[in-house]
Amino acid sequence: MAGTNVRRVKPATANRLSAYFLHHLQSLTFSLGKIYHAPATTIMTVTVIGITLSLPGGFYLFLKNIDAIAGDFRSTTQISLFLDLDISEKRARVLEKDIASMANVVSTRFISRDQSLKEFRENSGFGKSIDTLSSNPLPHTIVVEPGEADTFAVRNLLNALQAMPEVEIAKLDTEWLERLYTIVEIAKRSVAIITILFACAVLLVIGNTIRLDIQNRYQEIIVTKLIGATDAFIRRPFLYGGIWYGLLGGIISWLIVEIGYVAISGPLERLNLLYQSEMTLITFSLPDFIILITSSTLLGLAGSWIAVARHLNQIEPT
């Protein structure tokens, strides 16, 4: 008897699951058909969502490029040591060897006073004025490359070198880069705030679109409730509609950002030629694209859910 009951329950459960997934599939295709047959509304809604999401996406890529450029500069961090004018070249070279043997130093380069003056004469354009000087005003210089890129370690090395009696001035060549990182950190937090605001805007756009759709199908919803349909049954097509809006809006935003970066790639190439650099633009990677599409789709689902939860309960057959 127990075996008979099991055989009866299993087909019923399978039928319920089959009907459940079938209705989800029908809701998915039905919502896509509704969007397809209302091209004007769909294009306007998807375009607004795409433009709204492209702004934080573009800012994100901009900061990503700035981080990459700053990282390249950070990898070439150098400390310039300007020695006392009274230090002889022999003593300066001995000092260079002592510094090169320090634990956190990768390499050193010695620039003599005469070499510094020669380079300055060739590059400054003041050759005739320099020839009138009675003595060489430039000191011996030691350029130190730290072994670690960590800011704290580089600062400790800078302080240790500055404390040497032979060193007049110890200058970290990338101090401006630290200021840039501070500015970038402020920009990152600003982009996070902007992203939250634009996400709320997307929720409002999708929510308003779904609300209008609910109002247009007012009579259909009443009839469906009269024949016994549950709120979950009625809700599904609207939720899938929000998912479609979010998905298409995310794709549009990706296209807008990519087209924008393609548009500035030409001037960037000319800039590389002028400065003989190899700077390249970083665009959306596959994980970035997946995050963008997933986020926009979830925003679409959330916006439609809020609209349906608020307005569907207000529609009851009398």
Protein backbone atom coordinates (compact mmCIF):
# COMPACT_ATOMS: atom_id res chain seq x y z
CA MET A 1 0.00 0.00 0.00
CA ALA A 2 2.82 2.31 0.84
CA GLY A 3 4.41 1.59 -2.56
CA THR A 4 1.17 2.51 -4.29
CA ASN A 5 1.10 5.87 -2.50
CA VAL A 6 4.68 6.63 -3.57
CA ARG A 7 3.87 5.88 -7.19
CA ARG A 8 0.91 8.23 -7.02
CA VAL A 9 2.77 11.11 -5.36
CA LYS A 10 5.76 11.15 -7.69
CA PRO A 11 3.84 11.82 -10.94
CA ALA A 12 1.83 14.56 -9.20
CA THR A 13 5.00 16.25 -7.93
CA ALA A 14 6.64 15.97 -11.33
CA ASN A 15 3.57 17.50 -12.97
CA ARG A 16 3.58 20.42 -10.56
CA LEU A 17 7.27 21.09 -11.15
CA SER A 18 6.77 20.79 -14.89
CA ALA A 19 3.85 23.23 -14.79
CA TYR A 20 5.85 25.60 -12.58
CA PHE A 21 8.85 25.76 -14.91
CA LEU A 22 6.59 25.86 -17.96
CA HIS A 23 4.85 28.95 -16.65
CA HIS A 24 8.21 30.59 -15.96
CA LEU A 25 9.21 29.90 -19.55
CA GLN A 26 5.89 31.23 -20.81
CA SER A 27 6.27 34.36 -18.66
CA LEU A 28 9.79 34.86 -19.98
CA THR A 29 8.72 34.67 -23.62
CA PHE A 30 5.49 36.60 -23.00
CA SER A 31 7.36 39.51 -21.37
CA LEU A 32 9.86 39.55 -24.23
CA GLY A 33 6.97 39.63 -26.70
CA LYS A 34 5.37 42.56 -24.86
CA ILE A 35 8.64 44.47 -25.10
CA TYR A 36 9.04 43.58 -28.77
CA HIS A 37 5.54 44.77 -29.67
CA ALA A 38 6.04 48.13 -27.92
CA PRO A 39 9.26 49.31 -29.63
CA ALA A 40 8.87 53.02 -28.85
CA THR A 41 8.48 52.45 -25.10
CA THR A 42 11.19 49.80 -25.09
CA ILE A 43 13.74 51.93 -26.96
CA MET A 44 13.16 54.97 -24.74
CA THR A 45 13.30 52.99 -21.50
CA VAL A 46 16.35 50.93 -22.48
CA THR A 47 18.19 54.01 -23.79
CA VAL A 48 17.57 55.95 -20.58
CA ILE A 49 18.80 52.99 -18.53
CA GLY A 50 21.85 52.59 -20.79
CA ILE A 51 22.82 56.26 -20.56
CA THR A 52 22.30 56.29 -16.80
CA LEU A 53 24.49 53.22 -16.26
CA SER A 54 27.14 54.34 -18.76
CA LEU A 55 28.12 57.31 -16.58
CA PRO A 56 29.31 55.32 -13.53
CA GLY A 57 30.70 52.68 -15.93
CA GLY A 58 32.73 55.32 -17.77
CA PHE A 59 34.00 56.80 -14.49
CA TYR A 60 34.98 53.32 -13.33
CA LEU A 61 37.07 52.73 -16.46
CA PHE A 62 38.63 56.18 -16.15
CA LEU A 63 39.77 55.43 -12.60
CA LYS A 64 40.97 51.99 -13.70
CA ASN A 65 43.18 53.62 -16.34
CA ILE A 66 44.49 56.17 -13.83
CA ASP A 67 45.37 53.33 -11.44
CA ALA A 68 47.24 51.52 -14.21
CA ILE A 69 49.22 54.62 -15.17
CA ALA A 70 50.02 55.44 -11.55
CA GLY A 71 51.08 51.83 -10.98
CA ASP A 72 53.58 52.09 -13.83
CA PHE A 73 55.03 55.23 -12.28
CA ARG A 74 55.10 53.63 -8.85
CA SER A 75 57.20 50.77 -10.21
CA THR A 76 59.90 53.34 -11.14
CA THR A 77 60.03 55.12 -7.79
CA GLN A 78 63.38 56.82 -7.22
CA ILE A 79 64.99 58.85 -4.46
CA SER A 80 67.41 61.61 -5.49
CA LEU A 81 70.11 62.48 -2.97
CA PHE A 82 71.73 65.90 -3.43
CA LEU A 83 74.98 65.88 -1.49
CA ASP A 84 76.68 68.71 0.32
CA LEU A 85 78.76 70.92 -1.98
CA ASP A 86 81.85 70.35 0.15
CA ILE A 87 81.75 66.55 -0.40
CA SER A 88 84.49 65.36 -2.75
CA GLU A 89 83.74 63.02 -5.64
CA LYS A 90 85.80 60.24 -4.04
CA ARG A 91 83.82 60.48 -0.79
CA ALA A 92 80.56 60.66 -2.76
CA ARG A 93 81.37 57.43 -4.62
CA VAL A 94 82.18 55.66 -1.37
CA LEU A 95 78.84 56.85 -0.01
CA GLU A 96 77.09 55.47 -3.10
CA LYS A 97 78.58 52.03 -2.46
CA ASP A 98 77.47 52.17 1.18
CA ILE A 99 73.93 53.06 0.13
CA ALA A 100 73.89 50.32 -2.53
CA SER A 101 74.63 47.72 0.18
CA MET A 102 71.56 48.74 2.20
CA ALA A 103 68.80 46.14 2.56
CA ASN A 104 65.96 48.00 0.85
CA VAL A 105 67.98 49.31 -2.09
CA VAL A 106 67.94 47.66 -5.52
CA SER A 107 70.38 49.89 -7.34
CA THR A 108 72.12 53.27 -7.23
CA ARG A 109 73.45 55.65 -9.85
CA PHE A 110 76.07 58.31 -9.25
CA ILE A 111 75.96 61.62 -11.14
CA SER A 112 78.99 63.82 -10.61
CA ARG A 113 78.87 67.60 -10.44
CA ASP A 114 80.59 67.94 -13.80
CA GLN A 115 78.18 65.52 -15.45
CA SER A 116 75.20 67.35 -13.97
CA LEU A 117 76.49 70.67 -15.24
CA LYS A 118 77.14 69.22 -18.70
CA GLU A 119 73.62 67.79 -18.96
CA PHE A 120 72.11 71.01 -17.69
CA ARG A 121 74.09 73.03 -20.24
CA GLU A 122 72.88 70.78 -23.08
CA ASN A 123 69.24 70.57 -22.09
CA SER A 124 68.42 73.88 -20.44
CA GLY A 125 69.25 76.27 -23.29
CA PHE A 126 71.29 78.49 -20.96
CA GLY A 127 74.67 77.33 -22.15
CA LYS A 128 76.17 80.82 -22.58
CA SER A 129 74.92 81.98 -19.20
CA ILE A 130 76.32 78.89 -17.49
CA ASP A 131 79.75 79.55 -19.04
CA THR A 132 79.89 82.85 -17.17
CA LEU A 133 79.67 81.15 -13.77
CA SER A 134 82.83 81.19 -11.72
CA SER A 135 82.15 77.78 -10.13
CA ASN A 136 79.89 74.80 -10.51
CA PRO A 137 76.78 75.35 -8.33
CA LEU A 138 75.45 71.80 -8.76
CA PRO A 139 76.16 69.07 -6.17
CA HIS A 140 77.01 65.43 -6.62
CA THR A 141 73.81 63.37 -6.93
CA ILE A 142 72.99 59.78 -6.07
CA VAL A 143 69.83 58.28 -7.54
CA VAL A 144 68.50 55.42 -5.40
CA GLU A 145 65.95 52.85 -6.54
CA PRO A 146 64.09 51.32 -3.55
CA GLY A 147 63.58 47.59 -3.37
CA GLU A 148 59.93 47.79 -2.28
CA ALA A 149 57.08 49.81 -3.74
CA ASP A 150 55.30 49.97 -0.39
CA THR A 151 54.80 53.60 0.61
CA PHE A 152 55.71 53.02 4.27
CA ALA A 153 58.96 51.24 3.38
CA VAL A 154 59.96 53.92 0.87
CA ARG A 155 59.28 56.65 3.43
CA ASN A 156 61.43 54.89 6.01
CA LEU A 157 64.27 54.61 3.49
CA LEU A 158 63.86 58.28 2.57
CA ASN A 159 64.12 59.32 6.23
CA ALA A 160 67.19 57.13 6.76
CA LEU A 161 68.96 58.63 3.75
CA GLN A 162 67.99 62.17 4.72
CA ALA A 163 69.57 61.63 8.13
CA MET A 164 73.02 61.00 6.60
CA PRO A 165 75.37 63.93 7.28
CA GLU A 166 76.63 64.01 3.68
CA VAL A 167 73.09 64.41 2.26
CA GLU A 168 71.86 67.96 1.89
CA ILE A 169 68.46 67.12 0.36
CA ALA A 170 66.71 63.77 -0.14
CA LYS A 171 63.90 64.07 -2.66
CA LEU A 172 61.31 61.40 -3.44
CA ASP A 173 60.64 61.76 -7.15
CA THR A 174 57.09 60.44 -6.90
CA GLU A 175 55.71 62.61 -4.09
CA TRP A 176 53.30 64.01 -6.64
CA LEU A 177 52.11 60.45 -7.23
CA GLU A 178 51.05 60.15 -3.60
CA ARG A 179 48.96 63.27 -4.04
CA LEU A 180 47.48 61.72 -7.17
CA TYR A 181 46.55 58.58 -5.24
CA THR A 182 44.79 60.71 -2.64
CA ILE A 183 42.83 62.47 -5.37
CA VAL A 184 42.00 59.13 -6.97
CA GLU A 185 40.74 57.81 -3.64
CA ILE A 186 38.43 60.81 -3.33
CA ALA A 187 37.28 60.21 -6.91
CA LYS A 188 36.58 56.54 -6.15
CA ARG A 189 34.31 57.44 -3.27
CA SER A 190 32.60 60.05 -5.40
CA VAL A 191 32.01 57.44 -8.12
CA ALA A 192 30.57 55.07 -5.52
CA ILE A 193 28.09 57.76 -4.44
CA ILE A 194 27.24 58.55 -8.08
CA THR A 195 26.74 54.83 -8.79
CA ILE A 196 24.28 54.51 -5.91
CA LEU A 197 22.35 57.57 -7.09
CA PHE A 198 22.17 56.33 -10.68
CA ALA A 199 21.16 52.86 -9.48
CA CYS A 200 18.25 54.48 -7.66
CA ALA A 201 17.41 56.34 -10.88
CA VAL A 202 17.34 53.03 -12.79
CA LEU A 203 15.03 51.57 -10.15
CA LEU A 204 12.66 54.51 -10.59
CA VAL A 205 12.71 54.28 -14.40
CA ILE A 206 12.00 50.54 -14.45
CA GLY A 207 9.50 50.80 -11.63
CA ASN A 208 7.56 53.53 -13.42
CA THR A 209 7.58 51.54 -16.68
CA ILE A 210 6.23 48.42 -14.93
CA ARG A 211 3.62 50.54 -13.11
CA LEU A 212 2.30 51.82 -16.43
CA ASP A 213 2.23 48.27 -17.75
CA ILE A 214 0.21 47.16 -14.71
CA GLN A 215 -2.29 49.97 -15.26
CA ASN A 216 -2.65 49.08 -18.95
CA ARG A 217 -3.44 45.48 -18.00
CA TYR A 218 -5.79 46.40 -15.15
CA GLN A 219 -8.82 44.56 -16.51
CA GLU A 220 -6.73 41.54 -17.49
CA ILE A 221 -5.37 41.27 -13.94
CA ILE A 222 -8.87 41.46 -12.43
CA VAL A 223 -10.16 38.69 -14.71
CA THR A 224 -7.10 36.55 -13.91
CA LYS A 225 -7.69 36.97 -10.17
CA LEU A 226 -11.38 36.09 -10.58
CA ILE A 227 -10.49 32.71 -12.06
CA GLY A 228 -8.25 31.94 -9.10
CA ALA A 229 -4.74 33.01 -10.16
CA THR A 230 -2.33 33.75 -7.32
CA ASP A 231 -0.34 36.97 -6.99
CA ALA A 232 2.86 35.03 -7.75
CA PHE A 233 1.32 33.77 -11.01
CA ILE A 234 0.33 37.31 -12.05
CA ARG A 235 3.61 38.82 -10.86
CA ARG A 236 5.99 36.70 -12.96
CA PRO A 237 5.52 38.34 -16.38
CA PHE A 238 6.10 41.78 -14.87
CA LEU A 239 9.25 40.61 -13.08
CA TYR A 240 10.62 39.10 -16.27
CA GLY A 241 9.78 42.35 -18.04
CA GLY A 242 11.97 44.23 -15.54
CA ILE A 243 14.74 41.69 -16.05
CA TRP A 244 14.62 42.24 -19.82
CA TYR A 245 14.73 46.02 -19.38
CA GLY A 246 17.72 45.76 -17.05
CA LEU A 247 19.57 43.30 -19.29
CA LEU A 248 19.07 45.36 -22.46
CA GLY A 249 19.93 48.58 -20.61
CA GLY A 250 23.18 47.04 -19.37
CA ILE A 251 24.14 46.02 -22.91
CA ILE A 252 23.37 49.54 -24.18
CA SER A 253 25.50 51.09 -21.42
CA TRP A 254 28.39 48.76 -22.32
CA LEU A 255 28.10 49.77 -25.98
CA ILE A 256 28.03 53.49 -25.10
CA VAL A 257 31.18 53.24 -22.97
CA GLU A 258 33.03 51.12 -25.55
CA ILE A 259 32.11 53.51 -28.37
CA GLY A 260 33.29 56.44 -26.25
CA TYR A 261 36.66 54.83 -25.62
CA VAL A 262 37.04 53.95 -29.30
CA ALA A 263 36.36 57.62 -30.10
CA ILE A 264 39.27 58.80 -27.93
CA SER A 265 41.68 56.06 -29.01
CA GLY A 266 42.73 58.11 -32.07
CA PRO A 267 43.86 61.18 -30.09
CA LEU A 268 45.57 58.83 -27.62
CA GLU A 269 47.63 57.29 -30.42
CA ARG A 270 48.74 60.76 -31.54
CA LEU A 271 49.65 61.57 -27.94
CA ASN A 272 51.76 58.41 -27.78
CA LEU A 273 53.60 59.51 -30.92
CA LEU A 274 54.25 62.98 -29.52
CA TYR A 275 55.61 61.71 -26.18
CA GLN A 276 57.04 58.42 -27.53
CA SER A 277 55.04 56.45 -24.97
CA GLU A 278 53.08 53.22 -25.08
CA MET A 279 50.03 54.18 -23.06
CA THR A 280 46.96 52.09 -23.89
CA LEU A 281 43.35 52.40 -22.79
CA ILE A 282 41.87 49.73 -20.55
CA THR A 283 38.29 48.83 -21.45
CA PHE A 284 35.80 46.43 -19.88
CA SER A 285 37.26 43.01 -19.22
CA LEU A 286 35.05 39.92 -19.27
CA PRO A 287 34.54 40.00 -15.46
CA ASP A 288 33.71 43.73 -15.68
CA PHE A 289 31.17 43.03 -18.43
CA ILE A 290 29.59 40.22 -16.42
CA ILE A 291 29.36 42.44 -13.32
CA LEU A 292 27.79 45.26 -15.36
CA ILE A 293 25.19 43.02 -17.01
CA THR A 294 24.41 41.19 -13.76
CA SER A 295 24.04 44.45 -11.84
CA SER A 296 21.75 46.00 -14.44
CA THR A 297 19.64 42.83 -14.60
CA LEU A 298 19.29 42.71 -10.80
CA LEU A 299 18.35 46.40 -10.80
CA GLY A 300 15.66 45.60 -13.38
CA LEU A 301 14.35 42.76 -11.21
CA ALA A 302 14.39 44.91 -8.07
CA GLY A 303 12.64 47.84 -9.77
CA SER A 304 9.90 45.63 -11.19
CA TRP A 305 9.46 43.80 -7.88
CA ILE A 306 8.99 47.08 -5.99
CA ALA A 307 6.44 48.32 -8.54
CA VAL A 308 4.51 45.04 -8.62
CA ALA A 309 4.50 44.66 -4.83
CA ARG A 310 3.12 48.17 -4.44
CA HIS A 311 0.49 48.27 -7.18
CA LEU A 312 -0.62 44.67 -7.63
CA ASN A 313 -2.07 44.45 -4.13
CA GLN A 314 -4.25 47.50 -4.88
CA ILE A 315 -6.00 45.67 -7.72
CA GLU A 316 -8.76 43.46 -6.33
CA PRO A 317 -11.93 42.25 -8.03
CA THR A 318 -15.09 43.79 -6.58
